[in-house]
């Protein structure tokens, strides 16, 4: 195993481990104190949107264009929307992982909500682990940026899993392990990506995966992160987080 693969797998693992951090925070955070989470989700969406449109799609066009000429740009567009469709299918056939206030107030439903939240997030996190892995293999700085963005929004996801389980059962151990389980899909996605793609990790494969992952991340940002952030009722804070995430990503790409 090369050092670059080791680093890519490690970044995917650390990004996924952030759900465990969220699981721990669920024990001390107040249910009605989500302003920071609202900003964090917006920040994560800003990073993902900016890096998708300003780095990953151009990178995919360059890679595929070098191999297939003008057809490579059309291929990039098609694969990007294929990624959007894939993310939509995952959402379509999995239960929602949004935890609404009325669900939290119904004690007898809390554990059920936590379980299905963990299952939905596990499926949702799988392509994120693959995204972190592929980006890190191509550019370690880009991989670190994506891992950071994923980790930021995995923290409130961990809270979303652990909070209902903790309040339903009173068991910190169960709440922690439910949230940890959902995050393990990140390194699982990375490992699966490595095992499936290690024989084809060349220019075309990177181009395809960058376009596909960009579509997945755009969908996650627009359909998952931003709506969830707005559910916490801090609209202007969300936009501030989005702009902040974009600015940080822009500076990072220019400097590094």
C-alpha atoms as a PDB file:
ATOM      1  CA  UNK A   1       0.000   0.000   0.000  1.00  0.00           C
ATOM      2  CA  UNK A   2       1.458   3.342  -1.005  1.00  0.00           C
ATOM      3  CA  UNK A   3       1.722   6.331   1.280  1.00  0.00           C
ATOM      4  CA  UNK A   4      -0.896   8.217  -0.792  1.00  0.00           C
ATOM      5  CA  UNK A   5      -3.429   5.397  -0.384  1.00  0.00           C
ATOM      6  CA  UNK A   6      -2.714   5.219   3.343  1.00  0.00           C
ATOM      7  CA  UNK A   7      -3.253   8.975   3.708  1.00  0.00           C
ATOM      8  CA  UNK A   8      -6.478   8.815   1.663  1.00  0.00           C
ATOM      9  CA  UNK A   9      -7.889   6.006   3.811  1.00  0.00           C
ATOM     10  CA  UNK A  10      -6.855   7.812   7.010  1.00  0.00           C
ATOM     11  CA  UNK A  11      -8.595  11.030   5.940  1.00  0.00           C
ATOM     12  CA  UNK A  12     -11.777   9.088   5.136  1.00  0.00           C
ATOM     13  CA  UNK A  13     -11.650   7.428   8.550  1.00  0.00           C
ATOM     14  CA  UNK A  14     -11.127  10.723  10.392  1.00  0.00           C
ATOM     15  CA  UNK A  15     -13.999  12.361   8.495  1.00  0.00           C
ATOM     16  CA  UNK A  16     -16.292   9.495   9.449  1.00  0.00           C
ATOM     17  CA  UNK A  17     -15.127   9.546  13.058  1.00  0.00           C
ATOM     18  CA  UNK A  18     -16.641  13.019  13.414  1.00  0.00           C
ATOM     19  CA  UNK A  19     -20.046  11.374  13.893  1.00  0.00           C
ATOM     20  CA  UNK A  20     -18.686   9.941  17.127  1.00  0.00           C
ATOM     21  CA  UNK A  21     -17.789  13.474  18.218  1.00  0.00           C
ATOM     22  CA  UNK A  22     -21.388  14.456  17.510  1.00  0.00           C
ATOM     23  CA  UNK A  23     -22.549  11.472  19.525  1.00  0.00           C
ATOM     24  CA  UNK A  24     -20.567  12.714  22.527  1.00  0.00           C
ATOM     25  CA  UNK A  25     -21.823  16.289  22.125  1.00  0.00           C
ATOM     26  CA  UNK A  26     -25.405  15.025  22.219  1.00  0.00           C
ATOM     27  CA  UNK A  27     -24.966  14.299  25.917  1.00  0.00           C
ATOM     28  CA  UNK A  28     -24.296  17.938  26.793  1.00  0.00           C
ATOM     29  CA  UNK A  29     -25.944  20.041  24.089  1.00  0.00           C
ATOM     30  CA  UNK A  30     -29.339  21.582  24.702  1.00  0.00           C
ATOM     31  CA  UNK A  31     -31.995  20.518  22.233  1.00  0.00           C
ATOM     32  CA  UNK A  32     -32.891  24.115  21.381  1.00  0.00           C
ATOM     33  CA  UNK A  33     -29.316  25.408  21.018  1.00  0.00           C
ATOM     34  CA  UNK A  34     -28.456  24.639  17.402  1.00  0.00           C
ATOM     35  CA  UNK A  35     -27.204  28.015  16.161  1.00  0.00           C
ATOM     36  CA  UNK A  36     -23.624  26.778  15.857  1.00  0.00           C
ATOM     37  CA  UNK A  37     -24.788  23.663  14.046  1.00  0.00           C
ATOM     38  CA  UNK A  38     -26.745  25.806  11.621  1.00  0.00           C
ATOM     39  CA  UNK A  39     -23.608  27.779  10.772  1.00  0.00           C
ATOM     40  CA  UNK A  40     -21.536  24.598  10.568  1.00  0.00           C
ATOM     41  CA  UNK A  41     -23.907  22.955   8.108  1.00  0.00           C
ATOM     42  CA  UNK A  42     -23.919  26.076   5.954  1.00  0.00           C
ATOM     43  CA  UNK A  43     -20.128  26.201   6.085  1.00  0.00           C
ATOM     44  CA  UNK A  44     -19.876  22.587   4.990  1.00  0.00           C
ATOM     45  CA  UNK A  45     -22.298  23.166   2.110  1.00  0.00           C
ATOM     46  CA  UNK A  46     -20.272  26.191   0.992  1.00  0.00           C
ATOM     47  CA  UNK A  47     -17.061  24.175   0.927  1.00  0.00           C
ATOM     48  CA  UNK A  48     -18.674  21.327  -1.000  1.00  0.00           C
ATOM     49  CA  UNK A  49     -20.390  23.551  -3.567  1.00  0.00           C
ATOM     50  CA  UNK A  50     -17.302  25.644  -4.216  1.00  0.00           C
ATOM     51  CA  UNK A  51     -14.919  22.714  -4.531  1.00  0.00           C
ATOM     52  CA  UNK A  52     -17.363  20.840  -6.777  1.00  0.00           C
ATOM     53  CA  UNK A  53     -17.816  23.645  -9.296  1.00  0.00           C
ATOM     54  CA  UNK A  54     -14.392  25.293  -9.089  1.00  0.00           C
ATOM     55  CA  UNK A  55     -12.098  22.281  -8.712  1.00  0.00           C
ATOM     56  CA  UNK A  56     -13.630  18.857  -9.241  1.00  0.00           C
ATOM     57  CA  UNK A  57     -15.675  19.495 -12.390  1.00  0.00           C
ATOM     58  CA  UNK A  58     -12.834  21.407 -14.114  1.00  0.00           C
ATOM     59  CA  UNK A  59     -10.453  18.617 -13.085  1.00  0.00           C
ATOM     60  CA  UNK A  60     -12.804  16.015 -14.567  1.00  0.00           C
ATOM     61  CA  UNK A  61     -13.144  18.036 -17.795  1.00  0.00           C
ATOM     62  CA  UNK A  62      -9.366  18.312 -18.063  1.00  0.00           C
ATOM     63  CA  UNK A  63      -8.793  14.599 -17.484  1.00  0.00           C
ATOM     64  CA  UNK A  64     -11.546  13.352 -19.778  1.00  0.00           C
ATOM     65  CA  UNK A  65     -10.965  16.095 -22.350  1.00  0.00           C
ATOM     66  CA  UNK A  66      -7.316  15.065 -22.681  1.00  0.00           C
ATOM     67  CA  UNK A  67      -8.430  11.541 -23.508  1.00  0.00           C
ATOM     68  CA  UNK A  68     -11.623  12.093 -25.520  1.00  0.00           C
ATOM     69  CA  UNK A  69     -11.422  15.666 -26.802  1.00  0.00           C
ATOM     70  CA  UNK A  70     -14.689  17.616 -26.989  1.00  0.00           C
ATOM     71  CA  UNK A  71     -16.596  14.452 -26.127  1.00  0.00           C
ATOM     72  CA  UNK A  72     -14.839  14.489 -22.763  1.00  0.00           C
ATOM     73  CA  UNK A  73     -16.663  17.669 -21.737  1.00  0.00           C
ATOM     74  CA  UNK A  74     -20.026  16.156 -22.646  1.00  0.00           C
ATOM     75  CA  UNK A  75     -19.047  13.020 -20.759  1.00  0.00           C
ATOM     76  CA  UNK A  76     -18.182  15.112 -17.706  1.00  0.00           C
ATOM     77  CA  UNK A  77     -21.602  16.769 -17.743  1.00  0.00           C
ATOM     78  CA  UNK A  78     -23.381  13.433 -18.128  1.00  0.00           C
ATOM     79  CA  UNK A  79     -21.440  11.821 -15.296  1.00  0.00           C
ATOM     80  CA  UNK A  80     -22.012  14.847 -13.047  1.00  0.00           C
ATOM     81  CA  UNK A  81     -25.791  14.548 -13.417  1.00  0.00           C
ATOM     82  CA  UNK A  82     -25.396  10.801 -13.004  1.00  0.00           C
ATOM     83  CA  UNK A  83     -23.919  11.555  -9.585  1.00  0.00           C
ATOM     84  CA  UNK A  84     -26.891  13.792  -8.811  1.00  0.00           C
ATOM     85  CA  UNK A  85     -29.249  10.971  -9.855  1.00  0.00           C
ATOM     86  CA  UNK A  86     -27.355   8.447  -7.726  1.00  0.00           C
ATOM     87  CA  UNK A  87     -27.607  10.657  -4.643  1.00  0.00           C
ATOM     88  CA  UNK A  88     -31.326  11.175  -5.363  1.00  0.00           C
ATOM     89  CA  UNK A  89     -31.888   7.408  -5.573  1.00  0.00           C
ATOM     90  CA  UNK A  90     -30.162   6.906  -2.229  1.00  0.00           C
ATOM     91  CA  UNK A  91     -32.466   9.511  -0.663  1.00  0.00           C
ATOM     92  CA  UNK A  92     -35.510   8.166  -2.504  1.00  0.00           C
ATOM     93  CA  UNK A  93     -35.224   4.645  -1.167  1.00  0.00           C
ATOM     94  CA  UNK A  94     -33.936   5.378   2.309  1.00  0.00           C
ATOM     95  CA  UNK A  95     -35.917   6.867   5.207  1.00  0.00           C
ATOM     96  CA  UNK A  96     -35.316  10.528   5.933  1.00  0.00           C
ATOM     97  CA  UNK A  97     -32.633  11.312   8.519  1.00  0.00           C
ATOM     98  CA  UNK A  98     -34.014  14.742   9.470  1.00  0.00           C
ATOM     99  CA  UNK A  99     -34.984  14.809  13.137  1.00  0.00           C
ATOM    100  CA  UNK A 100     -37.860  17.224  13.630  1.00  0.00           C
ATOM    101  CA  UNK A 101     -38.867  18.729  16.935  1.00  0.00           C
ATOM    102  CA  UNK A 102     -42.218  16.919  16.989  1.00  0.00           C
ATOM    103  CA  UNK A 103     -40.426  13.577  16.675  1.00  0.00           C
ATOM    104  CA  UNK A 104     -38.144  14.480  19.563  1.00  0.00           C
ATOM    105  CA  UNK A 105     -41.164  15.296  21.694  1.00  0.00           C
ATOM    106  CA  UNK A 106     -42.680  11.872  21.190  1.00  0.00           C
ATOM    107  CA  UNK A 107     -40.724   9.746  23.617  1.00  0.00           C
ATOM    108  CA  UNK A 108     -41.985   6.412  22.333  1.00  0.00           C
ATOM    109  CA  UNK A 109     -40.701   7.163  18.811  1.00  0.00           C
ATOM    110  CA  UNK A 110     -37.257   8.463  19.657  1.00  0.00           C
ATOM    111  CA  UNK A 111     -35.319   5.209  19.531  1.00  0.00           C
ATOM    112  CA  UNK A 112     -37.012   4.293  16.250  1.00  0.00           C
ATOM    113  CA  UNK A 113     -36.044   7.681  14.813  1.00  0.00           C
ATOM    114  CA  UNK A 114     -32.441   7.245  15.962  1.00  0.00           C
ATOM    115  CA  UNK A 115     -32.121   3.773  14.426  1.00  0.00           C
ATOM    116  CA  UNK A 116     -33.432   4.778  11.019  1.00  0.00           C
ATOM    117  CA  UNK A 117     -31.414   7.972  11.134  1.00  0.00           C
ATOM    118  CA  UNK A 118     -28.271   5.881  11.645  1.00  0.00           C
ATOM    119  CA  UNK A 119     -29.178   3.551   8.756  1.00  0.00           C
ATOM    120  CA  UNK A 120     -29.972   6.413   6.390  1.00  0.00           C
ATOM    121  CA  UNK A 121     -26.781   8.248   7.283  1.00  0.00           C
ATOM    122  CA  UNK A 122     -24.707   5.105   6.775  1.00  0.00           C
ATOM    123  CA  UNK A 123     -25.906   4.894   3.160  1.00  0.00           C
ATOM    124  CA  UNK A 124     -25.590   8.663   2.767  1.00  0.00           C
ATOM    125  CA  UNK A 125     -22.002   8.634   4.120  1.00  0.00           C
ATOM    126  CA  UNK A 126     -20.720   5.836   1.878  1.00  0.00           C
ATOM    127  CA  UNK A 127     -20.182   8.015  -1.234  1.00  0.00           C
ATOM    128  CA  UNK A 128     -18.672  10.756   0.948  1.00  0.00           C
ATOM    129  CA  UNK A 129     -15.957   8.331   2.030  1.00  0.00           C
ATOM    130  CA  UNK A 130     -15.340   7.485  -1.614  1.00  0.00           C
ATOM    131  CA  UNK A 131     -15.223  11.206  -2.467  1.00  0.00           C
ATOM    132  CA  UNK A 132     -12.625  11.889   0.218  1.00  0.00           C
ATOM    133  CA  UNK A 133     -10.542   8.925  -0.897  1.00  0.00           C
ATOM    134  CA  UNK A 134     -10.565   9.796  -4.602  1.00  0.00           C
ATOM    135  CA  UNK A 135      -9.810  13.471  -3.978  1.00  0.00           C
ATOM    136  CA  UNK A 136      -6.921  12.589  -1.673  1.00  0.00           C
ATOM    137  CA  UNK A 137      -5.428  10.218  -4.224  1.00  0.00           C
ATOM    138  CA  UNK A 138      -5.347  13.010  -6.811  1.00  0.00           C
ATOM    139  CA  UNK A 139      -4.454  15.967  -4.563  1.00  0.00           C
ATOM    140  CA  UNK A 140      -3.798  15.608  -0.818  1.00  0.00           C
ATOM    141  CA  UNK A 141      -4.668  19.279  -0.158  1.00  0.00           C
ATOM    142  CA  UNK A 142      -8.026  18.845  -1.883  1.00  0.00           C
ATOM    143  CA  UNK A 143      -8.563  15.635   0.061  1.00  0.00           C
ATOM    144  CA  UNK A 144      -7.903  17.385   3.370  1.00  0.00           C
ATOM    145  CA  UNK A 145     -10.351  20.162   2.440  1.00  0.00           C
ATOM    146  CA  UNK A 146     -13.101  17.700   1.562  1.00  0.00           C
ATOM    147  CA  UNK A 147     -12.386  15.620   4.666  1.00  0.00           C
ATOM    148  CA  UNK A 148     -12.739  18.781   6.773  1.00  0.00           C
ATOM    149  CA  UNK A 149     -16.037  19.693   5.120  1.00  0.00           C
ATOM    150  CA  UNK A 150     -17.369  16.161   5.605  1.00  0.00           C
ATOM    151  CA  UNK A 151     -16.212  16.113   9.236  1.00  0.00           C
ATOM    152  CA  UNK A 152     -17.915  19.456   9.968  1.00  0.00           C
ATOM    153  CA  UNK A 153     -21.306  18.241   8.820  1.00  0.00           C
ATOM    154  CA  UNK A 154     -20.818  14.760  10.299  1.00  0.00           C
ATOM    155  CA  UNK A 155     -20.762  16.269  13.792  1.00  0.00           C
ATOM    156  CA  UNK A 156     -24.399  17.459  13.699  1.00  0.00           C
ATOM    157  CA  UNK A 157     -25.325  14.225  11.909  1.00  0.00           C
ATOM    158  CA  UNK A 158     -23.864  12.332  14.864  1.00  0.00           C
ATOM    159  CA  UNK A 159     -25.951  14.488  17.189  1.00  0.00           C
ATOM    160  CA  UNK A 160     -29.042  13.800  15.070  1.00  0.00           C
ATOM    161  CA  UNK A 161     -28.508  10.072  15.615  1.00  0.00           C
ATOM    162  CA  UNK A 162     -27.468  10.100  19.272  1.00  0.00           C
ATOM    163  CA  UNK A 163     -29.887  12.696  20.652  1.00  0.00           C
ATOM    164  CA  UNK A 164     -33.142  10.758  20.136  1.00  0.00           C
ATOM    165  CA  UNK A 165     -31.559   7.460  21.216  1.00  0.00           C
ATOM    166  CA  UNK A 166     -30.129   9.027  24.370  1.00  0.00           C
ATOM    167  CA  UNK A 167     -33.379  10.701  25.349  1.00  0.00           C
ATOM    168  CA  UNK A 168     -35.360   7.529  24.651  1.00  0.00           C
ATOM    169  CA  UNK A 169     -33.135   4.996  26.418  1.00  0.00           C
ATOM    170  CA  UNK A 170     -31.014   7.057  28.808  1.00  0.00           C
ATOM    171  CA  UNK A 171     -28.036   5.013  27.604  1.00  0.00           C
ATOM    172  CA  UNK A 172     -24.994   7.030  26.590  1.00  0.00           C
ATOM    173  CA  UNK A 173     -23.324   3.875  25.335  1.00  0.00           C
ATOM    174  CA  UNK A 174     -26.127   3.038  22.893  1.00  0.00           C
ATOM    175  CA  UNK A 175     -26.356   6.617  21.662  1.00  0.00           C
ATOM    176  CA  UNK A 176     -22.611   6.788  21.070  1.00  0.00           C
ATOM    177  CA  UNK A 177     -22.416   3.500  19.179  1.00  0.00           C
ATOM    178  CA  UNK A 178     -25.440   4.323  16.996  1.00  0.00           C
ATOM    179  CA  UNK A 179     -23.747   7.541  15.896  1.00  0.00           C
ATOM    180  CA  UNK A 180     -20.392   5.795  15.443  1.00  0.00           C
ATOM    181  CA  UNK A 181     -22.011   3.129  13.267  1.00  0.00           C
ATOM    182  CA  UNK A 182     -23.344   5.745  10.845  1.00  0.00           C
ATOM    183  CA  UNK A 183     -19.860   7.231  10.444  1.00  0.00           C
ATOM    184  CA  UNK A 184     -18.151   3.912   9.726  1.00  0.00           C
ATOM    185  CA  UNK A 185     -19.639   4.048   6.236  1.00  0.00           C
ATOM    186  CA  UNK A 186     -17.054   6.735   5.366  1.00  0.00           C
ATOM    187  CA  UNK A 187     -13.939   4.524   5.605  1.00  0.00           C
ATOM    188  CA  UNK A 188     -15.991   1.608   4.243  1.00  0.00           C
ATOM    189  CA  UNK A 189     -16.671   3.653   1.110  1.00  0.00           C
ATOM    190  CA  UNK A 190     -12.983   4.509   0.853  1.00  0.00           C
ATOM    191  CA  UNK A 191     -11.876   0.896   1.212  1.00  0.00           C
ATOM    192  CA  UNK A 192     -14.469  -0.298  -1.299  1.00  0.00           C
ATOM    193  CA  UNK A 193     -13.314   2.383  -3.709  1.00  0.00           C
ATOM    194  CA  UNK A 194      -9.703   1.312  -3.350  1.00  0.00           C
ATOM    195  CA  UNK A 195     -10.433  -2.392  -3.790  1.00  0.00           C
ATOM    196  CA  UNK A 196     -12.676  -1.831  -6.814  1.00  0.00           C
ATOM    197  CA  UNK A 197     -10.633   0.861  -8.522  1.00  0.00           C
ATOM    198  CA  UNK A 198      -7.009   0.094  -7.659  1.00  0.00           C
ATOM    199  CA  UNK A 199      -6.497  -1.629 -11.013  1.00  0.00           C
ATOM    200  CA  UNK A 200      -7.925   1.335 -12.951  1.00  0.00           C
ATOM    201  CA  UNK A 201      -6.596   4.336 -10.996  1.00  0.00           C
ATOM    202  CA  UNK A 202      -5.564   6.267 -14.096  1.00  0.00           C
ATOM    203  CA  UNK A 203      -6.566   9.541 -15.737  1.00  0.00           C
ATOM    204  CA  UNK A 204      -9.939   8.346 -17.046  1.00  0.00           C
ATOM    205  CA  UNK A 205     -10.936   6.802 -13.704  1.00  0.00           C
ATOM    206  CA  UNK A 206     -10.081   9.997 -11.818  1.00  0.00           C
ATOM    207  CA  UNK A 207     -12.046  12.074 -14.321  1.00  0.00           C
ATOM    208  CA  UNK A 208     -15.109   9.853 -14.018  1.00  0.00           C
ATOM    209  CA  UNK A 209     -14.995   9.725 -10.224  1.00  0.00           C
ATOM    210  CA  UNK A 210     -14.420  13.473  -9.851  1.00  0.00           C
ATOM    211  CA  UNK A 211     -17.467  14.266 -12.017  1.00  0.00           C
ATOM    212  CA  UNK A 212     -19.582  11.633 -10.245  1.00  0.00           C
ATOM    213  CA  UNK A 213     -18.565  12.741  -6.760  1.00  0.00           C
ATOM    214  CA  UNK A 214     -19.128  16.407  -7.655  1.00  0.00           C
ATOM    215  CA  UNK A 215     -22.722  15.557  -8.554  1.00  0.00           C
ATOM    216  CA  UNK A 216     -23.178  13.658  -5.296  1.00  0.00           C
ATOM    217  CA  UNK A 217     -21.740  16.509  -3.205  1.00  0.00           C
ATOM    218  CA  UNK A 218     -23.867  19.165  -4.940  1.00  0.00           C
ATOM    219  CA  UNK A 219     -26.993  17.117  -4.284  1.00  0.00           C
ATOM    220  CA  UNK A 220     -26.022  16.535  -0.646  1.00  0.00           C
ATOM    221  CA  UNK A 221     -25.389  20.256  -0.176  1.00  0.00           C
ATOM    222  CA  UNK A 222     -28.645  21.445  -1.753  1.00  0.00           C
ATOM    223  CA  UNK A 223     -30.992  18.694  -0.606  1.00  0.00           C
ATOM    224  CA  UNK A 224     -29.521  17.701   2.753  1.00  0.00           C
ATOM    225  CA  UNK A 225     -27.178  20.231   4.356  1.00  0.00           C
ATOM    226  CA  UNK A 226     -28.895  23.527   3.566  1.00  0.00           C
ATOM    227  CA  UNK A 227     -32.491  22.392   4.294  1.00  0.00           C
ATOM    228  CA  UNK A 228     -31.344  20.797   7.554  1.00  0.00           C
ATOM    229  CA  UNK A 229     -29.486  23.961   8.536  1.00  0.00           C
ATOM    230  CA  UNK A 230     -32.591  26.068   7.894  1.00  0.00           C
ATOM    231  CA  UNK A 231     -34.701  23.712  10.031  1.00  0.00           C
ATOM    232  CA  UNK A 232     -32.798  25.061  13.028  1.00  0.00           C
ATOM    233  CA  UNK A 233     -34.206  28.524  12.302  1.00  0.00           C
ATOM    234  CA  UNK A 234     -31.039  30.565  11.706  1.00  0.00           C
ATOM    235  CA  UNK A 235     -31.389  31.588   8.050  1.00  0.00           C
ATOM    236  CA  UNK A 236     -28.900  34.454   7.970  1.00  0.00           C
ATOM    237  CA  UNK A 237     -26.392  32.415   9.953  1.00  0.00           C
ATOM    238  CA  UNK A 238     -26.679  29.638   7.361  1.00  0.00           C
ATOM    239  CA  UNK A 239     -25.840  32.029   4.514  1.00  0.00           C
ATOM    240  CA  UNK A 240     -22.921  33.396   6.520  1.00  0.00           C
ATOM    241  CA  UNK A 241     -21.655  29.846   6.952  1.00  0.00           C
ATOM    242  CA  UNK A 242     -22.039  29.144   3.219  1.00  0.00           C
ATOM    243  CA  UNK A 243     -20.085  32.253   2.226  1.00  0.00           C
ATOM    244  CA  UNK A 244     -17.456  31.546   4.862  1.00  0.00           C
ATOM    245  CA  UNK A 245     -17.012  28.007   3.575  1.00  0.00           C
ATOM    246  CA  UNK A 246     -16.678  29.226  -0.005  1.00  0.00           C
ATOM    247  CA  UNK A 247     -14.154  31.898   0.972  1.00  0.00           C
ATOM    248  CA  UNK A 248     -12.029  29.463   2.953  1.00  0.00           C
ATOM    249  CA  UNK A 249     -12.077  26.947   0.093  1.00  0.00           C
ATOM    250  CA  UNK A 250     -11.193  29.659  -2.444  1.00  0.00           C
ATOM    251  CA  UNK A 251      -8.211  30.835  -0.393  1.00  0.00           C
ATOM    252  CA  UNK A 252      -7.085  27.260   0.235  1.00  0.00           C
ATOM    253  CA  UNK A 253      -7.113  26.421  -3.474  1.00  0.00           C
ATOM    254  CA  UNK A 254      -5.218  29.601  -4.345  1.00  0.00           C
ATOM    255  CA  UNK A 255      -2.577  29.216  -1.638  1.00  0.00           C
ATOM    256  CA  UNK A 256      -1.988  25.507  -2.027  1.00  0.00           C
END
